[in-house]
Amino acid sequence: MKAYLITTGLVFGAIVVAHVARVFAEGTRLLTEPDWVILTLLAAMFCVWAFRLLARMRRAGRGLPGAQH
């Protein structure tokens, strides 16, 4: 589960970084496209969510809180 969360967080983080780099390369015109902005925000939220779950797992010691072992 940890490997999955790390991979997911890194993949969605890379998408966000690519989108931000594209804004710098192409200009702020992209910020006027609602689909592009929504997908960037969703990728950022999934990235944060994955790393928050990973941190919660580490604090719990073994697995996700509430998960049966």
PDB file of N, CA and C in Angstrom:
ATOM      1  N   MET A   1       0.819  -1.193   0.000  1.00  0.00           N
ATOM      2  CA  MET A   1       0.000   0.000   0.000  1.00  0.00           C
ATOM      3  C   MET A   1       0.866   1.262   0.000  1.00  0.00           C
ATOM      4  N   LYS A   2       1.997   1.208   0.717  1.00  0.00           N
ATOM      5  CA  LYS A   2       2.865   2.381   0.756  1.00  0.00           C
ATOM      6  C   LYS A   2       3.427   2.706  -0.617  1.00  0.00           C
ATOM      7  N   ALA A   3       3.856   1.681  -1.330  1.00  0.00           N
ATOM      8  CA  ALA A   3       4.414   1.906  -2.666  1.00  0.00           C
ATOM      9  C   ALA A   3       3.364   2.519  -3.592  1.00  0.00           C
ATOM     10  N   TYR A   4       2.132   2.046  -3.469  1.00  0.00           N
ATOM     11  CA  TYR A   4       1.049   2.584  -4.293  1.00  0.00           C
ATOM     12  C   TYR A   4       0.831   4.067  -3.997  1.00  0.00           C
ATOM     13  N   LEU A   5       0.794   4.432  -2.723  1.00  0.00           N
ATOM     14  CA  LEU A   5       0.557   5.828  -2.350  1.00  0.00           C
ATOM     15  C   LEU A   5       1.709   6.729  -2.796  1.00  0.00           C
ATOM     16  N   ILE A   6       2.932   6.241  -2.653  1.00  0.00           N
ATOM     17  CA  ILE A   6       4.080   7.031  -3.092  1.00  0.00           C
ATOM     18  C   ILE A   6       4.033   7.228  -4.604  1.00  0.00           C
ATOM     19  N   THR A   7       3.775   6.159  -5.332  1.00  0.00           N
ATOM     20  CA  THR A   7       3.709   6.244  -6.793  1.00  0.00           C
ATOM     21  C   THR A   7       2.590   7.169  -7.241  1.00  0.00           C
ATOM     22  N   THR A   8       1.424   7.005  -6.634  1.00  0.00           N
ATOM     23  CA  THR A   8       0.278   7.852  -6.995  1.00  0.00           C
ATOM     24  C   THR A   8       0.573   9.318  -6.713  1.00  0.00           C
ATOM     25  N   GLY A   9       1.121   9.593  -5.541  1.00  0.00           N
ATOM     26  CA  GLY A   9       1.455  10.972  -5.194  1.00  0.00           C
ATOM     27  C   GLY A   9       2.467  11.574  -6.152  1.00  0.00           C
ATOM     28  N   LEU A  10       3.482  10.799  -6.514  1.00  0.00           N
ATOM     29  CA  LEU A  10       4.502  11.308  -7.432  1.00  0.00           C
ATOM     30  C   LEU A  10       3.955  11.527  -8.844  1.00  0.00           C
ATOM     31  N   VAL A  11       3.111  10.620  -9.309  1.00  0.00           N
ATOM     32  CA  VAL A  11       2.539  10.773 -10.655  1.00  0.00           C
ATOM     33  C   VAL A  11       1.651  12.013 -10.727  1.00  0.00           C
ATOM     34  N   PHE A  12       0.759  12.168  -9.759  1.00  0.00           N
ATOM     35  CA  PHE A  12      -0.109  13.355  -9.781  1.00  0.00           C
ATOM     36  C   PHE A  12       0.690  14.625  -9.536  1.00  0.00           C
ATOM     37  N   GLY A  13       1.735  14.545  -8.710  1.00  0.00           N
ATOM     38  CA  GLY A  13       2.611  15.701  -8.511  1.00  0.00           C
ATOM     39  C   GLY A  13       3.326  16.088  -9.798  1.00  0.00           C
ATOM     40  N   ALA A  14       3.767  15.095 -10.559  1.00  0.00           N
ATOM     41  CA  ALA A  14       4.431  15.369 -11.833  1.00  0.00           C
ATOM     42  C   ALA A  14       3.478  16.031 -12.819  1.00  0.00           C
ATOM     43  N   ILE A  15       2.222  15.621 -12.802  1.00  0.00           N
ATOM     44  CA  ILE A  15       1.224  16.252 -13.674  1.00  0.00           C
ATOM     45  C   ILE A  15       1.064  17.725 -13.315  1.00  0.00           C
ATOM     46  N   VAL A  16       1.004  18.015 -12.028  1.00  0.00           N
ATOM     47  CA  VAL A  16       0.859  19.410 -11.587  1.00  0.00           C
ATOM     48  C   VAL A  16       2.083  20.222 -12.003  1.00  0.00           C
ATOM     49  N   VAL A  17       3.269  19.665 -11.794  1.00  0.00           N
ATOM     50  CA  VAL A  17       4.496  20.373 -12.179  1.00  0.00           C
ATOM     51  C   VAL A  17       4.514  20.622 -13.684  1.00  0.00           C
ATOM     52  N   ALA A  18       4.099  19.650 -14.464  1.00  0.00           N
ATOM     53  CA  ALA A  18       4.046  19.825 -15.920  1.00  0.00           C
ATOM     54  C   ALA A  18       3.052  20.915 -16.312  1.00  0.00           C
ATOM     55  N   HIS A  19       1.922  20.964 -15.639  1.00  0.00           N
ATOM     56  CA  HIS A  19       0.928  21.994 -15.948  1.00  0.00           C
ATOM     57  C   HIS A  19       1.445  23.381 -15.598  1.00  0.00           C
ATOM     58  N   VAL A  20       2.106  23.497 -14.457  1.00  0.00           N
ATOM     59  CA  VAL A  20       2.663  24.803 -14.060  1.00  0.00           C
ATOM     60  C   VAL A  20       3.769  25.213 -15.029  1.00  0.00           C
ATOM     61  N   ALA A  21       4.610  24.269 -15.429  1.00  0.00           N
ATOM     62  CA  ALA A  21       5.661  24.575 -16.408  1.00  0.00           C
ATOM     63  C   ALA A  21       5.053  25.019 -17.733  1.00  0.00           C
ATOM     64  N   ARG A  22       3.942  24.410 -18.096  1.00  0.00           N
ATOM     65  CA  ARG A  22       3.279  24.786 -19.349  1.00  0.00           C
ATOM     66  C   ARG A  22       2.735  26.210 -19.279  1.00  0.00           C
ATOM     67  N   VAL A  23       2.252  26.619 -18.101  1.00  0.00           N
ATOM     68  CA  VAL A  23       1.782  27.999 -17.942  1.00  0.00           C
ATOM     69  C   VAL A  23       2.945  28.963 -18.168  1.00  0.00           C
ATOM     70  N   PHE A  24       4.111  28.643 -17.595  1.00  0.00           N
ATOM     71  CA  PHE A  24       5.270  29.515 -17.785  1.00  0.00           C
ATOM     72  C   PHE A  24       5.727  29.518 -19.243  1.00  0.00           C
ATOM     73  N   ALA A  25       5.616  28.400 -19.918  1.00  0.00           N
ATOM     74  CA  ALA A  25       6.074  28.305 -21.304  1.00  0.00           C
ATOM     75  C   ALA A  25       5.105  28.964 -22.279  1.00  0.00           C
ATOM     76  N   GLU A  26       3.799  28.789 -22.047  1.00  0.00           N
ATOM     77  CA  GLU A  26       2.810  29.256 -23.024  1.00  0.00           C
ATOM     78  C   GLU A  26       2.069  30.514 -22.600  1.00  0.00           C
ATOM     79  N   GLY A  27       2.218  30.916 -21.370  1.00  0.00           N
ATOM     80  CA  GLY A  27       1.536  32.112 -20.907  1.00  0.00           C
ATOM     81  C   GLY A  27       0.260  31.782 -20.152  1.00  0.00           C
ATOM     82  N   THR A  28      -0.349  32.816 -19.637  1.00  0.00           N
ATOM     83  CA  THR A  28      -1.516  32.638 -18.767  1.00  0.00           C
ATOM     84  C   THR A  28      -2.808  32.349 -19.519  1.00  0.00           C
ATOM     85  N   ARG A  29      -2.746  32.237 -20.827  1.00  0.00           N
ATOM     86  CA  ARG A  29      -3.943  31.924 -21.600  1.00  0.00           C
ATOM     87  C   ARG A  29      -4.573  30.613 -21.141  1.00  0.00           C
ATOM     88  N   LEU A  30      -3.738  29.674 -20.721  1.00  0.00           N
ATOM     89  CA  LEU A  30      -4.240  28.378 -20.263  1.00  0.00           C
ATOM     90  C   LEU A  30      -5.153  28.510 -19.043  1.00  0.00           C
ATOM     91  N   LEU A  31      -4.920  29.532 -18.256  1.00  0.00           N
ATOM     92  CA  LEU A  31      -5.719  29.716 -17.047  1.00  0.00           C
ATOM     93  C   LEU A  31      -7.156  30.124 -17.352  1.00  0.00           C
ATOM     94  N   THR A  32      -7.443  30.438 -18.594  1.00  0.00           N
ATOM     95  CA  THR A  32      -8.811  30.792 -18.981  1.00  0.00           C
ATOM     96  C   THR A  32      -9.603  29.575 -19.464  1.00  0.00           C
ATOM     97  N   GLU A  33      -8.931  28.421 -19.550  1.00  0.00           N
ATOM     98  CA  GLU A  33      -9.599  27.190 -19.985  1.00  0.00           C
ATOM     99  C   GLU A  33     -10.049  26.402 -18.755  1.00  0.00           C
ATOM    100  N   PRO A  34     -11.364  26.346 -18.499  1.00  0.00           N
ATOM    101  CA  PRO A  34     -11.871  25.710 -17.279  1.00  0.00           C
ATOM    102  C   PRO A  34     -11.480  24.236 -17.143  1.00  0.00           C
ATOM    103  N   ASP A  35     -11.515  23.482 -18.221  1.00  0.00           N
ATOM    104  CA  ASP A  35     -11.164  22.059 -18.144  1.00  0.00           C
ATOM    105  C   ASP A  35      -9.721  21.871 -17.687  1.00  0.00           C
ATOM    106  N   TRP A  36      -8.833  22.669 -18.230  1.00  0.00           N
ATOM    107  CA  TRP A  36      -7.419  22.566 -17.887  1.00  0.00           C
ATOM    108  C   TRP A  36      -7.192  22.919 -16.413  1.00  0.00           C
ATOM    109  N   VAL A  37      -7.840  23.974 -15.956  1.00  0.00           N
ATOM    110  CA  VAL A  37      -7.698  24.394 -14.559  1.00  0.00           C
ATOM    111  C   VAL A  37      -8.270  23.337 -13.622  1.00  0.00           C
ATOM    112  N   ILE A  38      -9.432  22.793 -13.948  1.00  0.00           N
ATOM    113  CA  ILE A  38     -10.064  21.768 -13.097  1.00  0.00           C
ATOM    114  C   ILE A  38      -9.186  20.526 -13.019  1.00  0.00           C
ATOM    115  N   LEU A  39      -8.635  20.089 -14.144  1.00  0.00           N
ATOM    116  CA  LEU A  39      -7.767  18.903 -14.137  1.00  0.00           C
ATOM    117  C   LEU A  39      -6.489  19.148 -13.335  1.00  0.00           C
ATOM    118  N   THR A  40      -5.951  20.369 -13.417  1.00  0.00           N
ATOM    119  CA  THR A  40      -4.760  20.697 -12.629  1.00  0.00           C
ATOM    120  C   THR A  40      -5.080  20.667 -11.144  1.00  0.00           C
ATOM    121  N   LEU A  41      -6.207  21.237 -10.752  1.00  0.00           N
ATOM    122  CA  LEU A  41      -6.600  21.242  -9.339  1.00  0.00           C
ATOM    123  C   LEU A  41      -6.891  19.835  -8.842  1.00  0.00           C
ATOM    124  N   LEU A  42      -7.543  19.016  -9.657  1.00  0.00           N
ATOM    125  CA  LEU A  42      -7.802  17.629  -9.269  1.00  0.00           C
ATOM    126  C   LEU A  42      -6.500  16.849  -9.072  1.00  0.00           C
ATOM    127  N   ALA A  43      -5.561  17.036  -9.978  1.00  0.00           N
ATOM    128  CA  ALA A  43      -4.270  16.350  -9.838  1.00  0.00           C
ATOM    129  C   ALA A  43      -3.566  16.794  -8.566  1.00  0.00           C
ATOM    130  N   ALA A  44      -3.626  18.091  -8.255  1.00  0.00           N
ATOM    131  CA  ALA A  44      -3.008  18.595  -7.019  1.00  0.00           C
ATOM    132  C   ALA A  44      -3.683  18.002  -5.792  1.00  0.00           C
ATOM    133  N   MET A  45      -5.009  17.914  -5.822  1.00  0.00           N
ATOM    134  CA  MET A  45      -5.734  17.347  -4.678  1.00  0.00           C
ATOM    135  C   MET A  45      -5.404  15.871  -4.493  1.00  0.00           C
ATOM    136  N   PHE A  46      -5.323  15.110  -5.580  1.00  0.00           N
ATOM    137  CA  PHE A  46      -4.977  13.689  -5.479  1.00  0.00           C
ATOM    138  C   PHE A  46      -3.553  13.506  -4.960  1.00  0.00           C
ATOM    139  N   CYS A  47      -2.647  14.366  -5.370  1.00  0.00           N
ATOM    140  CA  CYS A  47      -1.265  14.307  -4.888  1.00  0.00           C
ATOM    141  C   CYS A  47      -1.218  14.539  -3.382  1.00  0.00           C
ATOM    142  N   VAL A  48      -1.879  15.584  -2.924  1.00  0.00           N
ATOM    143  CA  VAL A  48      -1.904  15.894  -1.490  1.00  0.00           C
ATOM    144  C   VAL A  48      -2.584  14.770  -0.726  1.00  0.00           C
ATOM    145  N   TRP A  49      -3.659  14.262  -1.255  1.00  0.00           N
ATOM    146  CA  TRP A  49      -4.403  13.186  -0.589  1.00  0.00           C
ATOM    147  C   TRP A  49      -3.528  11.940  -0.417  1.00  0.00           C
ATOM    148  N   ALA A  50      -2.802  11.574  -1.470  1.00  0.00           N
ATOM    149  CA  ALA A  50      -1.946  10.390  -1.403  1.00  0.00           C
ATOM    150  C   ALA A  50      -0.887  10.544  -0.321  1.00  0.00           C
ATOM    151  N   PHE A  51      -0.247  11.700  -0.254  1.00  0.00           N
ATOM    152  CA  PHE A  51       0.803  11.886   0.739  1.00  0.00           C
ATOM    153  C   PHE A  51       0.249  12.046   2.152  1.00  0.00           C
ATOM    154  N   ARG A  52      -0.967  12.569   2.268  1.00  0.00           N
ATOM    155  CA  ARG A  52      -1.593  12.622   3.600  1.00  0.00           C
ATOM    156  C   ARG A  52      -1.935  11.220   4.092  1.00  0.00           C
ATOM    157  N   LEU A  53      -2.435  10.368   3.196  1.00  0.00           N
ATOM    158  CA  LEU A  53      -2.703   8.981   3.582  1.00  0.00           C
ATOM    159  C   LEU A  53      -1.420   8.257   3.959  1.00  0.00           C
ATOM    160  N   LEU A  54      -0.351   8.522   3.218  1.00  0.00           N
ATOM    161  CA  LEU A  54       0.939   7.906   3.533  1.00  0.00           C
ATOM    162  C   LEU A  54       1.422   8.360   4.912  1.00  0.00           C
ATOM    163  N   ALA A  55       1.296   9.635   5.215  1.00  0.00           N
ATOM    164  CA  ALA A  55       1.702  10.141   6.529  1.00  0.00           C
ATOM    165  C   ALA A  55       0.847   9.534   7.631  1.00  0.00           C
ATOM    166  N   ARG A  56      -0.438   9.375   7.364  1.00  0.00           N
ATOM    167  CA  ARG A  56      -1.329   8.770   8.351  1.00  0.00           C
ATOM    168  C   ARG A  56      -0.948   7.307   8.596  1.00  0.00           C
ATOM    169  N   MET A  57      -0.552   6.618   7.537  1.00  0.00           N
ATOM    170  CA  MET A  57      -0.113   5.227   7.683  1.00  0.00           C
ATOM    171  C   MET A  57       1.139   5.142   8.548  1.00  0.00           C
ATOM    172  N   ARG A  58       2.068   6.042   8.312  1.00  0.00           N
ATOM    173  CA  ARG A  58       3.314   6.031   9.075  1.00  0.00           C
ATOM    174  C   ARG A  58       3.074   6.340  10.542  1.00  0.00           C
ATOM    175  N   ARG A  59       2.157   7.268  10.833  1.00  0.00           N
ATOM    176  CA  ARG A  59       1.833   7.579  12.227  1.00  0.00           C
ATOM    177  C   ARG A  59       1.164   6.406  12.910  1.00  0.00           C
ATOM    178  N   ALA A  60       0.347   5.672  12.158  1.00  0.00           N
ATOM    179  CA  ALA A  60      -0.354   4.521  12.727  1.00  0.00           C
ATOM    180  C   ALA A  60       0.605   3.353  12.940  1.00  0.00           C
ATOM    181  N   GLY A  61       1.699   3.335  12.216  1.00  0.00           N
ATOM    182  CA  GLY A  61       2.695   2.302  12.422  1.00  0.00           C
ATOM    183  C   GLY A  61       2.619   1.135  11.468  1.00  0.00           C
ATOM    184  N   ARG A  62       1.439   0.715  11.055  1.00  0.00           N
ATOM    185  CA  ARG A  62       1.344  -0.476  10.212  1.00  0.00           C
ATOM    186  C   ARG A  62       0.543  -0.241   8.955  1.00  0.00           C
ATOM    187  N   GLY A  63      -0.584   0.340   9.076  1.00  0.00           N
ATOM    188  CA  GLY A  63      -1.451   0.469   7.914  1.00  0.00           C
ATOM    189  C   GLY A  63      -2.393   1.630   8.106  1.00  0.00           C
ATOM    190  N   LEU A  64      -3.368   1.700   7.266  1.00  0.00           N
ATOM    191  CA  LEU A  64      -4.345   2.771   7.357  1.00  0.00           C
ATOM    192  C   LEU A  64      -5.169   2.648   8.628  1.00  0.00           C
ATOM    193  N   PRO A  65      -5.460   3.779   9.266  1.00  0.00           N
ATOM    194  CA  PRO A  65      -6.307   3.712  10.455  1.00  0.00           C
ATOM    195  C   PRO A  65      -7.660   3.109  10.111  1.00  0.00           C
ATOM    196  N   GLY A  66      -8.105   2.212  10.945  1.00  0.00           N
ATOM    197  CA  GLY A  66      -9.388   1.557  10.709  1.00  0.00           C
ATOM    198  C   GLY A  66      -9.285   0.301   9.873  1.00  0.00           C
ATOM    199  N   ALA A  67      -8.131   0.086   9.255  1.00  0.00           N
ATOM    200  CA  ALA A  67      -7.956  -1.111   8.427  1.00  0.00           C
ATOM    201  C   ALA A  67      -7.714  -2.318   9.329  1.00  0.00           C
ATOM    202  N   GLN A  68      -8.241  -3.437   8.944  1.00  0.00           N
ATOM    203  CA  GLN A  68      -8.084  -4.661   9.726  1.00  0.00           C
ATOM    204  C   GLN A  68      -6.806  -5.354   9.310  1.00  0.00           C
ATOM    205  N   HIS A  69      -6.041  -5.838  10.290  1.00  0.00           N
ATOM    206  CA  HIS A  69      -4.769  -6.522   9.988  1.00  0.00           C
ATOM    207  C   HIS A  69      -4.823  -7.935  10.489  1.00  0.00           C
TER     208      HIS A  69
END
